[in-house]
Each structure stands twice: as C-alpha cells, then as structure tokens.
Amino acid sequence: MHVGSRRAVLNPVSGDGDHAASVERLLSARGFAVSRTEGPGDALELGRAAGEAGAAEVAVAGGDGTVNEVVRGLARADHLDEVTLSVVPVGTANLLAGTIGVGDRRQGVEVADTGEVRTIDVGFAGAEPFLVSCIAGLPAEASLAASSDLKGRFGTLAFLVTGAQEAIEFDGLDISLEVVGEDGPVTWSGSATCLLVGNARKFVARGGQADMEDGLLDVAIVEQMPTGNLVAEAVGHRLLATDTEGVTHVRARALSVDGHGEPVRFSRDGEVAEHEQLDIRVRERTLDLRVGPSYDPDPR
C-alpha cells in the first residue's frame, strides 16, 4: 500500500467532542493520514482532495453530516467508484454506522482497518450523493431546527423536542411526484406531511434497515395528518406499517419531486437544501464500504 493511500477525515466537534485525540491516535496507528476539519465545508474539501490524490481508503470520524460531506467531495473528484469508505461514529445519531454494524468509535477504527468490504448503492438528489436518506417535510424542518446546542444537551431527543415545536406551525408540502417504481410508474399529488426516501433506511414494515445493495430506494409519502399523529409517526421516526392509512409506499429506481413553484426543504443525510424541483435516483453498486460483523446485506 503506497504512502497516502489511507486518509482519514476527523471532525473534532461531532457529538460530545471528546474523541479527537484518541481517535486520531488509533487511526494513525493503522496507517491513516488524519486531517481535522475546522469548520463547515472542510470535510467536503478534504474528501475532494483525497479523491484527487487517488486515495484507496478514506475513513470518516464524525456524524452522518460529516460522512455526507466527504462523500460529496469524493463524488466531485469522480472517485466514488475507486475508493473504500469506512465510518468511525462520533456524531449524535450515527444512523449509517448503526445500519452497517459499527457500534462505537473503537469498533469503527477496527472496521476501518480490517472490516469486510461490501459494494453499496448510492442515492443522488440532483448531483449530490446521499447514503442514508433524503427527506422533505416535517422531519427535515425538525432536523434544521435542532441546534448544535440542543443536540449537545439532548442527543437524538433534540429531534423530538424540535419536531414537536415545528409540528404546531407546519403547513404541509404541496407536491407532485413521478416515480419510476420497481413494478412500474407511480404518480402522486397532494398535501404531504413528509416525503421519506431511504437508501440505508427503510420507513415502512419491519426493521429500520433498507437493502443497500438492491438498486432501489425505499420511498414513503405520508399524507397531511392531524398534529398528534404527525408527531408520533413522522417526527419520532416510528416505522409505518405497509397498510397505514394515508401512507403511500413504493420501492423506486428514481423519482421527480415538484413543489409547484415553491421551494421544498430537503434534508440529505442531515445536509439541508431547498429545491423547487428535484430529481432523486439511485446509482447501483457504486461505493465500496467497510462494514461491521452484524451488517445484514439482505434485511428483507
């Protein structure tokens, strides 16, 4: 392995912020050249630099947002197909790490060094990649409102606290969708509480993990509902049964979302952006990812 082929991006302020020195030491001992982020956008630029340098392996020590920034940088360097990614979970929710069987930072470092490699799908919202999910509606609003200070005090409960607050004033999404579904085209138009598109996350039926290797996205459209139900189902991220009233579920290769001339706020792995119209698709078997021993490649 040539010098510089293993790089790591470390966000020293992710989560509780007490991990930086120990994680850097552990990664360095396994041959990773570690770079620390200093502010917003740094992880993207470090990911791009790693891709442009031809890094064979990139480890990300941070939360889902930091992982997303690095993946965006690798995509801009046209290096997603050439790199092996690993995740050291030190963020607040660490949804991706949990899905791929990485339970804590020490295990994350071990997996980054010697973990099994699987080739997974990558979702794209426009030109920007995502690994976990792309969501619009109330959960996206709650994600944006959950400040760093609140997340530091309450952890994942911050999203429930802010979600309950946001629900009081949330008016719903006026959207139309055209979906290339597994079983054919699907169209939908109306007022929605939320649109949930998962690559690593599944929003209906059993289990929270979607199949990350099947070339499909898990899509749930939740129609506008009373605030009480909305908080319980949407903000709490409770799994929606396939026969839940007001929920349309489809497994899709691609979908187009139209906000009828109004901007719709999307949260892509925690990174928020607004679009009046957005095309979402999946690129099958694109990224090599190191996974933990409990990762289930076929969660169905």
C-alpha atoms as a PDB file:
ATOM      1  CA  MET A   1       0.000   0.000   0.000  1.00  0.00           C
ATOM      2  CA  HIS A   2       1.644   3.245  -1.101  1.00  0.00           C
ATOM      3  CA  VAL A   3       2.096   6.231   1.181  1.00  0.00           C
ATOM      4  CA  GLY A   4      -1.020   8.411   1.311  1.00  0.00           C
ATOM      5  CA  SER A   5      -3.383   5.685   0.106  1.00  0.00           C
ATOM      6  CA  ARG A   6      -5.123   5.693   3.516  1.00  0.00           C
ATOM      7  CA  ARG A   7      -6.624   9.024   4.564  1.00  0.00           C
ATOM      8  CA  ALA A   8      -8.972   9.957   7.371  1.00  0.00           C
ATOM      9  CA  VAL A   9     -11.203  12.990   7.877  1.00  0.00           C
ATOM     10  CA  LEU A  10     -11.823  13.752  11.566  1.00  0.00           C
ATOM     11  CA  ASN A  11     -14.496  16.163  12.787  1.00  0.00           C
ATOM     12  CA  PRO A  12     -13.283  17.113  16.288  1.00  0.00           C
ATOM     13  CA  VAL A  13     -16.573  18.741  17.332  1.00  0.00           C
ATOM     14  CA  SER A  14     -19.005  15.975  16.306  1.00  0.00           C
ATOM     15  CA  GLY A  15     -21.140  14.567  19.095  1.00  0.00           C
ATOM     16  CA  ASP A  16     -19.758  15.321  22.547  1.00  0.00           C
ATOM     17  CA  GLY A  17     -16.424  16.484  21.111  1.00  0.00           C
ATOM     18  CA  ASP A  18     -14.246  14.400  23.452  1.00  0.00           C
ATOM     19  CA  HIS A  19     -12.970  11.938  20.881  1.00  0.00           C
ATOM     20  CA  ALA A  20     -10.486  13.797  18.698  1.00  0.00           C
ATOM     21  CA  ALA A  21      -7.148  12.908  20.303  1.00  0.00           C
ATOM     22  CA  SER A  22      -7.917   9.237  20.928  1.00  0.00           C
ATOM     23  CA  VAL A  23      -9.485   8.602  17.515  1.00  0.00           C
ATOM     24  CA  GLU A  24      -6.644  10.368  15.709  1.00  0.00           C
ATOM     25  CA  ARG A  25      -4.121   8.263  17.604  1.00  0.00           C
ATOM     26  CA  LEU A  26      -5.936   4.999  16.805  1.00  0.00           C
ATOM     27  CA  LEU A  27      -6.343   5.802  13.110  1.00  0.00           C
ATOM     28  CA  SER A  28      -2.749   6.975  12.750  1.00  0.00           C
ATOM     29  CA  ALA A  29      -1.541   3.707  14.276  1.00  0.00           C
ATOM     30  CA  ARG A  30      -3.355   1.877  11.455  1.00  0.00           C
ATOM     31  CA  GLY A  31      -1.699   3.870   8.707  1.00  0.00           C
ATOM     32  CA  PHE A  32      -4.278   6.606   8.124  1.00  0.00           C
ATOM     33  CA  ALA A  33      -3.066  10.141   7.470  1.00  0.00           C
ATOM     34  CA  VAL A  34      -5.547  12.127   9.583  1.00  0.00           C
ATOM     35  CA  SER A  35      -6.830  15.612   8.719  1.00  0.00           C
ATOM     36  CA  ARG A  36      -9.096  17.542  11.085  1.00  0.00           C
ATOM     37  CA  THR A  37     -11.953  19.751   9.958  1.00  0.00           C
ATOM     38  CA  GLU A  38     -12.045  23.304  11.272  1.00  0.00           C
ATOM     39  CA  GLY A  39     -15.427  24.495  10.036  1.00  0.00           C
ATOM     40  CA  PRO A  40     -18.377  23.897   7.692  1.00  0.00           C
ATOM     41  CA  GLY A  41     -17.383  22.657   4.244  1.00  0.00           C
ATOM     42  CA  ASP A  42     -13.950  21.429   5.324  1.00  0.00           C
ATOM     43  CA  ALA A  43     -14.970  17.764   5.185  1.00  0.00           C
ATOM     44  CA  LEU A  44     -16.169  18.222   1.605  1.00  0.00           C
ATOM     45  CA  GLU A  45     -12.858  19.773   0.548  1.00  0.00           C
ATOM     46  CA  LEU A  46     -10.848  17.102   2.376  1.00  0.00           C
ATOM     47  CA  GLY A  47     -12.922  14.419   0.663  1.00  0.00           C
ATOM     48  CA  ARG A  48     -12.335  16.053  -2.703  1.00  0.00           C
ATOM     49  CA  ALA A  49      -8.598  16.305  -2.006  1.00  0.00           C
ATOM     50  CA  ALA A  50      -8.457  12.633  -1.037  1.00  0.00           C
ATOM     51  CA  GLY A  51     -10.225  11.707  -4.254  1.00  0.00           C
ATOM     52  CA  GLU A  52      -7.994  13.883  -6.411  1.00  0.00           C
ATOM     53  CA  ALA A  53      -4.937  12.326  -4.738  1.00  0.00           C
ATOM     54  CA  GLY A  54      -6.223   8.846  -5.606  1.00  0.00           C
ATOM     55  CA  ALA A  55      -6.658   7.646  -2.019  1.00  0.00           C
ATOM     56  CA  ALA A  56      -7.544   3.962  -1.898  1.00  0.00           C
ATOM     57  CA  GLU A  57      -9.209   4.182   1.526  1.00  0.00           C
ATOM     58  CA  VAL A  58     -10.932   7.046   3.319  1.00  0.00           C
ATOM     59  CA  ALA A  59     -12.142   6.816   6.916  1.00  0.00           C
ATOM     60  CA  VAL A  60     -14.576   9.405   8.271  1.00  0.00           C
ATOM     61  CA  ALA A  61     -14.695  10.103  12.017  1.00  0.00           C
ATOM     62  CA  GLY A  62     -17.829  12.179  12.523  1.00  0.00           C
ATOM     63  CA  GLY A  63     -21.594  12.037  12.283  1.00  0.00           C
ATOM     64  CA  ASP A  64     -23.834  11.436   9.283  1.00  0.00           C
ATOM     65  CA  GLY A  65     -23.408  15.036   8.101  1.00  0.00           C
ATOM     66  CA  THR A  66     -19.625  14.740   8.062  1.00  0.00           C
ATOM     67  CA  VAL A  67     -19.849  11.449   6.182  1.00  0.00           C
ATOM     68  CA  ASN A  68     -22.126  13.102   3.646  1.00  0.00           C
ATOM     69  CA  GLU A  69     -19.709  15.989   3.113  1.00  0.00           C
ATOM     70  CA  VAL A  70     -16.809  13.601   2.490  1.00  0.00           C
ATOM     71  CA  VAL A  71     -18.881  11.508   0.072  1.00  0.00           C
ATOM     72  CA  ARG A  72     -19.867  14.682  -1.787  1.00  0.00           C
ATOM     73  CA  GLY A  73     -16.204  15.617  -2.069  1.00  0.00           C
ATOM     74  CA  LEU A  74     -15.282  12.179  -3.368  1.00  0.00           C
ATOM     75  CA  ALA A  75     -18.104  12.418  -5.915  1.00  0.00           C
ATOM     76  CA  ARG A  76     -16.867  15.810  -7.129  1.00  0.00           C
ATOM     77  CA  ALA A  77     -13.440  14.256  -7.627  1.00  0.00           C
ATOM     78  CA  ASP A  78     -15.152  11.437  -9.592  1.00  0.00           C
ATOM     79  CA  HIS A  79     -13.630   8.957  -7.143  1.00  0.00           C
ATOM     80  CA  LEU A  80     -16.652   7.164  -5.633  1.00  0.00           C
ATOM     81  CA  ASP A  81     -16.038   4.073  -7.733  1.00  0.00           C
ATOM     82  CA  GLU A  82     -12.353   3.938  -6.801  1.00  0.00           C
ATOM     83  CA  VAL A  83     -12.331   4.281  -3.003  1.00  0.00           C
ATOM     84  CA  THR A  84     -13.168   2.162   0.043  1.00  0.00           C
ATOM     85  CA  LEU A  85     -15.013   4.189   2.683  1.00  0.00           C
ATOM     86  CA  SER A  86     -15.256   3.483   6.407  1.00  0.00           C
ATOM     87  CA  VAL A  87     -17.080   5.214   9.259  1.00  0.00           C
ATOM     88  CA  VAL A  88     -15.951   5.890  12.824  1.00  0.00           C
ATOM     89  CA  PRO A  89     -19.149   7.011  14.634  1.00  0.00           C
ATOM     90  CA  VAL A  90     -18.616  10.040  16.876  1.00  0.00           C
ATOM     91  CA  GLY A  91     -21.710  12.073  15.938  1.00  0.00           C
ATOM     92  CA  THR A  92     -25.122  12.450  17.581  1.00  0.00           C
ATOM     93  CA  ALA A  93     -27.309   9.926  15.765  1.00  0.00           C
ATOM     94  CA  ASN A  94     -24.793   7.921  13.661  1.00  0.00           C
ATOM     95  CA  LEU A  95     -27.550   6.356  11.545  1.00  0.00           C
ATOM     96  CA  LEU A  96     -25.243   5.000   8.854  1.00  0.00           C
ATOM     97  CA  ALA A  97     -22.829   3.448  11.341  1.00  0.00           C
ATOM     98  CA  GLY A  98     -25.684   1.718  13.152  1.00  0.00           C
ATOM     99  CA  THR A  99     -27.026   0.344   9.888  1.00  0.00           C
ATOM    100  CA  ILE A 100     -23.693  -1.138   8.836  1.00  0.00           C
ATOM    101  CA  GLY A 101     -22.961  -2.752  12.189  1.00  0.00           C
ATOM    102  CA  VAL A 102     -20.471  -0.277  13.648  1.00  0.00           C
ATOM    103  CA  GLY A 103     -21.439   0.341  17.258  1.00  0.00           C
ATOM    104  CA  ASP A 104     -18.797   2.684  18.676  1.00  0.00           C
ATOM    105  CA  ARG A 105     -15.617   4.565  17.820  1.00  0.00           C
ATOM    106  CA  ARG A 106     -13.196   1.803  18.810  1.00  0.00           C
ATOM    107  CA  GLN A 107     -15.037  -0.766  16.707  1.00  0.00           C
ATOM    108  CA  GLY A 108     -15.204   1.818  13.915  1.00  0.00           C
ATOM    109  CA  VAL A 109     -11.418   2.094  13.858  1.00  0.00           C
ATOM    110  CA  GLU A 110     -11.066  -1.694  13.784  1.00  0.00           C
ATOM    111  CA  VAL A 111     -13.565  -1.965  10.926  1.00  0.00           C
ATOM    112  CA  ALA A 112     -11.776   0.841   9.047  1.00  0.00           C
ATOM    113  CA  ASP A 113      -8.615  -1.243   9.263  1.00  0.00           C
ATOM    114  CA  THR A 114      -9.781  -4.785   8.534  1.00  0.00           C
ATOM    115  CA  GLY A 115     -13.585  -4.830   8.135  1.00  0.00           C
ATOM    116  CA  GLU A 116     -15.383  -6.703   5.375  1.00  0.00           C
ATOM    117  CA  VAL A 117     -15.947  -4.674   2.220  1.00  0.00           C
ATOM    118  CA  ARG A 118     -19.385  -4.540   0.606  1.00  0.00           C
ATOM    119  CA  THR A 119     -20.311  -2.605  -2.529  1.00  0.00           C
ATOM    120  CA  ILE A 120     -23.411  -0.495  -1.858  1.00  0.00           C
ATOM    121  CA  ASP A 121     -25.825   1.721  -3.747  1.00  0.00           C
ATOM    122  CA  VAL A 122     -25.539   5.499  -3.575  1.00  0.00           C
ATOM    123  CA  GLY A 123     -28.541   7.793  -3.792  1.00  0.00           C
ATOM    124  CA  PHE A 124     -28.316  11.075  -5.670  1.00  0.00           C
ATOM    125  CA  ALA A 125     -30.504  14.133  -5.054  1.00  0.00           C
ATOM    126  CA  GLY A 126     -29.754  16.116  -8.163  1.00  0.00           C
ATOM    127  CA  ALA A 127     -25.959  15.991  -8.400  1.00  0.00           C
ATOM    128  CA  GLU A 128     -25.418  15.449  -4.662  1.00  0.00           C
ATOM    129  CA  PRO A 129     -24.988  11.945  -3.196  1.00  0.00           C
ATOM    130  CA  PHE A 130     -26.531  10.521  -0.035  1.00  0.00           C
ATOM    131  CA  LEU A 131     -26.044   7.195   1.724  1.00  0.00           C
ATOM    132  CA  VAL A 132     -28.761   7.170   4.393  1.00  0.00           C
ATOM    133  CA  SER A 133     -31.788   9.188   3.299  1.00  0.00           C
ATOM    134  CA  CYS A 134     -33.207  12.258   1.615  1.00  0.00           C
ATOM    135  CA  ILE A 135     -36.313  13.595   3.349  1.00  0.00           C
ATOM    136  CA  ALA A 136     -38.658  16.545   2.993  1.00  0.00           C
ATOM    137  CA  GLY A 137     -41.390  17.880   5.219  1.00  0.00           C
ATOM    138  CA  LEU A 138     -41.620  17.850   8.985  1.00  0.00           C
ATOM    139  CA  PRO A 139     -38.551  15.672   9.730  1.00  0.00           C
ATOM    140  CA  ALA A 140     -36.425  17.959   7.561  1.00  0.00           C
ATOM    141  CA  GLU A 141     -37.787  21.016   9.386  1.00  0.00           C
ATOM    142  CA  ALA A 142     -37.032  19.398  12.744  1.00  0.00           C
ATOM    143  CA  SER A 143     -33.543  18.458  11.606  1.00  0.00           C
ATOM    144  CA  LEU A 144     -32.835  22.060  10.663  1.00  0.00           C
ATOM    145  CA  ALA A 145     -34.280  23.439  13.904  1.00  0.00           C
ATOM    146  CA  ALA A 146     -32.290  21.064  16.124  1.00  0.00           C
ATOM    147  CA  SER A 147     -29.376  23.341  17.005  1.00  0.00           C
ATOM    148  CA  SER A 148     -25.924  22.082  17.913  1.00  0.00           C
ATOM    149  CA  ASP A 149     -26.516  23.258  21.483  1.00  0.00           C
ATOM    150  CA  LEU A 150     -29.799  21.378  21.721  1.00  0.00           C
ATOM    151  CA  LYS A 151     -28.281  18.226  20.252  1.00  0.00           C
ATOM    152  CA  GLY A 152     -25.439  18.517  22.740  1.00  0.00           C
ATOM    153  CA  ARG A 153     -27.927  18.652  25.638  1.00  0.00           C
ATOM    154  CA  PHE A 154     -30.464  16.103  24.472  1.00  0.00           C
ATOM    155  CA  GLY A 155     -28.744  13.967  21.818  1.00  0.00           C
ATOM    156  CA  THR A 156     -31.239  12.311  19.474  1.00  0.00           C
ATOM    157  CA  LEU A 157     -34.097  13.572  21.690  1.00  0.00           C
ATOM    158  CA  ALA A 158     -33.346  17.023  20.299  1.00  0.00           C
ATOM    159  CA  PHE A 159     -35.104  15.985  17.088  1.00  0.00           C
ATOM    160  CA  LEU A 160     -38.225  15.014  19.051  1.00  0.00           C
ATOM    161  CA  VAL A 161     -38.184  18.254  21.047  1.00  0.00           C
ATOM    162  CA  THR A 162     -37.837  20.465  17.975  1.00  0.00           C
ATOM    163  CA  GLY A 163     -40.137  18.238  15.962  1.00  0.00           C
ATOM    164  CA  ALA A 164     -42.984  18.757  18.418  1.00  0.00           C
ATOM    165  CA  GLN A 165     -42.388  22.501  18.239  1.00  0.00           C
ATOM    166  CA  GLU A 166     -42.239  22.546  14.445  1.00  0.00           C
ATOM    167  CA  ALA A 167     -45.388  20.420  14.126  1.00  0.00           C
ATOM    168  CA  ILE A 168     -47.521  23.153  15.650  1.00  0.00           C
ATOM    169  CA  GLU A 169     -46.813  25.512  12.746  1.00  0.00           C
ATOM    170  CA  PHE A 170     -46.075  23.099   9.896  1.00  0.00           C
ATOM    171  CA  ASP A 171     -48.486  23.564   6.978  1.00  0.00           C
ATOM    172  CA  GLY A 172     -47.525  20.530   4.919  1.00  0.00           C
ATOM    173  CA  LEU A 173     -45.971  20.097   1.494  1.00  0.00           C
ATOM    174  CA  ASP A 174     -47.861  20.780  -1.720  1.00  0.00           C
ATOM    175  CA  ILE A 175     -46.008  18.437  -4.070  1.00  0.00           C
ATOM    176  CA  SER A 176     -46.352  16.186  -7.097  1.00  0.00           C
ATOM    177  CA  LEU A 177     -44.231  13.097  -7.677  1.00  0.00           C
ATOM    178  CA  GLU A 178     -43.425  10.972 -10.676  1.00  0.00           C
ATOM    179  CA  VAL A 179     -41.820   7.721  -9.582  1.00  0.00           C
ATOM    180  CA  VAL A 180     -40.010   5.019 -11.559  1.00  0.00           C
ATOM    181  CA  GLY A 181     -41.073   2.185  -9.295  1.00  0.00           C
ATOM    182  CA  GLU A 182     -39.929  -1.388  -9.055  1.00  0.00           C
ATOM    183  CA  ASP A 183     -43.254  -2.506 -10.533  1.00  0.00           C
ATOM    184  CA  GLY A 184     -43.828   0.378 -12.924  1.00  0.00           C
ATOM    185  CA  PRO A 185     -44.544   4.128 -12.893  1.00  0.00           C
ATOM    186  CA  VAL A 186     -46.338   5.762  -9.955  1.00  0.00           C
ATOM    187  CA  THR A 187     -47.699   9.313  -9.756  1.00  0.00           C
ATOM    188  CA  TRP A 188     -48.833  11.158  -6.635  1.00  0.00           C
ATOM    189  CA  SER A 189     -50.041  14.697  -5.998  1.00  0.00           C
ATOM    190  CA  GLY A 190     -51.385  16.405  -2.901  1.00  0.00           C
ATOM    191  CA  SER A 191     -50.522  17.764   0.534  1.00  0.00           C
ATOM    192  CA  ALA A 192     -47.989  15.695   2.444  1.00  0.00           C
ATOM    193  CA  THR A 193     -46.655  15.688   5.973  1.00  0.00           C
ATOM    194  CA  CYS A 194     -43.398  14.304   4.696  1.00  0.00           C
ATOM    195  CA  LEU A 195     -41.614  12.541   1.869  1.00  0.00           C
ATOM    196  CA  LEU A 196     -39.135   9.919   3.040  1.00  0.00           C
ATOM    197  CA  VAL A 197     -36.576   8.458   0.635  1.00  0.00           C
ATOM    198  CA  GLY A 198     -34.217   5.897   2.102  1.00  0.00           C
ATOM    199  CA  ASN A 199     -31.117   4.153   0.813  1.00  0.00           C
ATOM    200  CA  ALA A 200     -29.855   2.777   4.131  1.00  0.00           C
ATOM    201  CA  ARG A 201     -33.135   3.453   5.956  1.00  0.00           C
ATOM    202  CA  LYS A 202     -36.496   1.770   5.471  1.00  0.00           C
ATOM    203  CA  PHE A 203     -39.575   3.692   6.558  1.00  0.00           C
ATOM    204  CA  VAL A 204     -42.286   1.026   6.455  1.00  0.00           C
ATOM    205  CA  ALA A 205     -42.910  -2.516   7.607  1.00  0.00           C
ATOM    206  CA  ARG A 206     -40.345  -4.315   9.755  1.00  0.00           C
ATOM    207  CA  GLY A 207     -36.896  -3.132  10.667  1.00  0.00           C
ATOM    208  CA  GLY A 208     -35.187   0.178  10.091  1.00  0.00           C
ATOM    209  CA  GLN A 209     -32.621  -1.000   7.544  1.00  0.00           C
ATOM    210  CA  ALA A 210     -33.210  -0.908   3.809  1.00  0.00           C
ATOM    211  CA  ASP A 211     -31.318  -3.172   1.414  1.00  0.00           C
ATOM    212  CA  MET A 212     -28.321  -1.060   0.387  1.00  0.00           C
ATOM    213  CA  GLU A 213     -27.354  -3.405  -2.433  1.00  0.00           C
ATOM    214  CA  ASP A 214     -30.602  -3.908  -4.384  1.00  0.00           C
ATOM    215  CA  GLY A 215     -30.516  -0.876  -6.698  1.00  0.00           C
ATOM    216  CA  LEU A 216     -33.716   0.543  -5.185  1.00  0.00           C
ATOM    217  CA  LEU A 217     -34.734   3.376  -2.866  1.00  0.00           C
ATOM    218  CA  ASP A 218     -37.373   2.939  -0.166  1.00  0.00           C
ATOM    219  CA  VAL A 219     -39.965   5.722  -0.602  1.00  0.00           C
ATOM    220  CA  ALA A 220     -42.814   6.631   1.749  1.00  0.00           C
ATOM    221  CA  ILE A 221     -45.226   9.526   1.159  1.00  0.00           C
ATOM    222  CA  VAL A 222     -47.137  10.461   4.319  1.00  0.00           C
ATOM    223  CA  GLU A 223     -50.266  12.477   3.621  1.00  0.00           C
ATOM    224  CA  GLN A 224     -51.129  15.511   5.741  1.00  0.00           C
ATOM    225  CA  MET A 225     -52.478  14.314   9.115  1.00  0.00           C
ATOM    226  CA  PRO A 226     -53.508  15.779  12.481  1.00  0.00           C
ATOM    227  CA  THR A 227     -50.655  17.125  14.584  1.00  0.00           C
ATOM    228  CA  GLY A 228     -50.838  14.414  17.270  1.00  0.00           C
ATOM    229  CA  ASN A 229     -50.456  11.569  14.792  1.00  0.00           C
ATOM    230  CA  LEU A 230     -47.912  13.580  12.832  1.00  0.00           C
ATOM    231  CA  VAL A 231     -45.580  13.937  15.811  1.00  0.00           C
ATOM    232  CA  ALA A 232     -45.892  10.306  16.812  1.00  0.00           C
ATOM    233  CA  GLU A 233     -45.364   8.876  13.350  1.00  0.00           C
ATOM    234  CA  ALA A 234     -43.188  11.327  11.412  1.00  0.00           C
ATOM    235  CA  VAL A 235     -41.031  13.124  13.954  1.00  0.00           C
ATOM    236  CA  GLY A 236     -40.464  10.090  16.114  1.00  0.00           C
ATOM    237  CA  HIS A 237     -39.400   8.184  13.002  1.00  0.00           C
ATOM    238  CA  ARG A 238     -41.618   5.314  14.056  1.00  0.00           C
ATOM    239  CA  LEU A 239     -41.860   2.703  11.346  1.00  0.00           C
ATOM    240  CA  LEU A 240     -45.033   2.952   9.302  1.00  0.00           C
ATOM    241  CA  ALA A 241     -46.887  -0.266   8.618  1.00  0.00           C
ATOM    242  CA  THR A 242     -47.472  -1.053   4.964  1.00  0.00           C
ATOM    243  CA  ASP A 243     -51.224  -0.694   5.497  1.00  0.00           C
ATOM    244  CA  THR A 244     -51.086   2.576   7.479  1.00  0.00           C
ATOM    245  CA  GLU A 245     -53.858   4.877   6.256  1.00  0.00           C
ATOM    246  CA  GLY A 246     -52.554   7.845   4.332  1.00  0.00           C
ATOM    247  CA  VAL A 247     -49.152   6.338   3.543  1.00  0.00           C
ATOM    248  CA  THR A 248     -48.051   5.500   0.008  1.00  0.00           C
ATOM    249  CA  HIS A 249     -45.033   3.214  -0.165  1.00  0.00           C
ATOM    250  CA  VAL A 250     -43.004   2.263  -3.224  1.00  0.00           C
ATOM    251  CA  ARG A 251     -39.580   0.858  -3.959  1.00  0.00           C
ATOM    252  CA  ALA A 252     -38.121   3.068  -6.644  1.00  0.00           C
ATOM    253  CA  ARG A 253     -35.212   3.467  -9.014  1.00  0.00           C
ATOM    254  CA  ALA A 254     -35.861   7.178  -9.434  1.00  0.00           C
ATOM    255  CA  LEU A 255     -38.383   9.892  -8.628  1.00  0.00           C
ATOM    256  CA  SER A 256     -39.010  13.517  -9.523  1.00  0.00           C
ATOM    257  CA  VAL A 257     -40.407  15.928  -6.922  1.00  0.00           C
ATOM    258  CA  ASP A 258     -42.186  19.132  -7.987  1.00  0.00           C
ATOM    259  CA  GLY A 259     -43.003  21.832  -5.445  1.00  0.00           C
ATOM    260  CA  HIS A 260     -45.356  23.694  -7.821  1.00  0.00           C
ATOM    261  CA  GLY A 261     -43.112  26.742  -7.936  1.00  0.00           C
ATOM    262  CA  GLU A 262     -42.479  26.854  -4.179  1.00  0.00           C
ATOM    263  CA  PRO A 263     -39.157  25.806  -2.593  1.00  0.00           C
ATOM    264  CA  VAL A 264     -39.198  22.497  -0.746  1.00  0.00           C
ATOM    265  CA  ARG A 265     -36.641  21.958   2.004  1.00  0.00           C
ATOM    266  CA  PHE A 266     -34.828  18.620   1.799  1.00  0.00           C
ATOM    267  CA  SER A 267     -32.506  17.085   4.378  1.00  0.00           C
ATOM    268  CA  ARG A 268     -29.951  14.857   2.650  1.00  0.00           C
ATOM    269  CA  ASP A 269     -28.141  12.865   5.373  1.00  0.00           C
ATOM    270  CA  GLY A 270     -28.631  15.918   7.586  1.00  0.00           C
ATOM    271  CA  GLU A 271     -27.441  18.437   4.982  1.00  0.00           C
ATOM    272  CA  VAL A 272     -30.287  20.845   4.204  1.00  0.00           C
ATOM    273  CA  ALA A 273     -31.027  22.440   0.809  1.00  0.00           C
ATOM    274  CA  GLU A 274     -34.098  23.907  -0.901  1.00  0.00           C
ATOM    275  CA  HIS A 275     -35.348  22.958  -4.376  1.00  0.00           C
ATOM    276  CA  GLU A 276     -38.465  23.823  -6.346  1.00  0.00           C
ATOM    277  CA  GLN A 277     -37.913  20.665  -8.360  1.00  0.00           C
ATOM    278  CA  LEU A 278     -35.597  17.766  -7.551  1.00  0.00           C
ATOM    279  CA  ASP A 279     -34.711  14.519  -9.305  1.00  0.00           C
ATOM    280  CA  ILE A 280     -33.685  11.681  -6.997  1.00  0.00           C
ATOM    281  CA  ARG A 281     -32.165   8.443  -8.274  1.00  0.00           C
ATOM    282  CA  VAL A 282     -30.041   5.536  -7.177  1.00  0.00           C
ATOM    283  CA  ARG A 283     -26.710   4.507  -8.641  1.00  0.00           C
ATOM    284  CA  GLU A 284     -26.440   0.775  -8.125  1.00  0.00           C
ATOM    285  CA  ARG A 285     -23.390  -0.854  -6.520  1.00  0.00           C
ATOM    286  CA  THR A 286     -21.215   2.254  -6.661  1.00  0.00           C
ATOM    287  CA  LEU A 287     -19.291   2.578  -3.384  1.00  0.00           C
ATOM    288  CA  ASP A 288     -17.098   0.089  -1.517  1.00  0.00           C
ATOM    289  CA  LEU A 289     -17.876   0.368   2.197  1.00  0.00           C
ATOM    290  CA  ARG A 290     -16.304  -1.427   5.155  1.00  0.00           C
ATOM    291  CA  VAL A 291     -18.987  -2.932   7.409  1.00  0.00           C
ATOM    292  CA  GLY A 292     -19.169  -4.468  10.858  1.00  0.00           C
ATOM    293  CA  PRO A 293     -19.832  -8.155  11.598  1.00  0.00           C
ATOM    294  CA  SER A 294     -23.555  -7.583  12.320  1.00  0.00           C
ATOM    295  CA  TYR A 295     -24.272  -5.929   8.948  1.00  0.00           C
ATOM    296  CA  ASP A 296     -27.133  -7.670   7.164  1.00  0.00           C
ATOM    297  CA  PRO A 297     -26.749  -7.440   3.360  1.00  0.00           C
ATOM    298  CA  ASP A 298     -30.297  -8.767   2.842  1.00  0.00           C
ATOM    299  CA  PRO A 299     -32.507  -7.286   5.598  1.00  0.00           C
ATOM    300  CA  ARG A 300     -35.706  -8.460   3.876  1.00  0.00           C
END
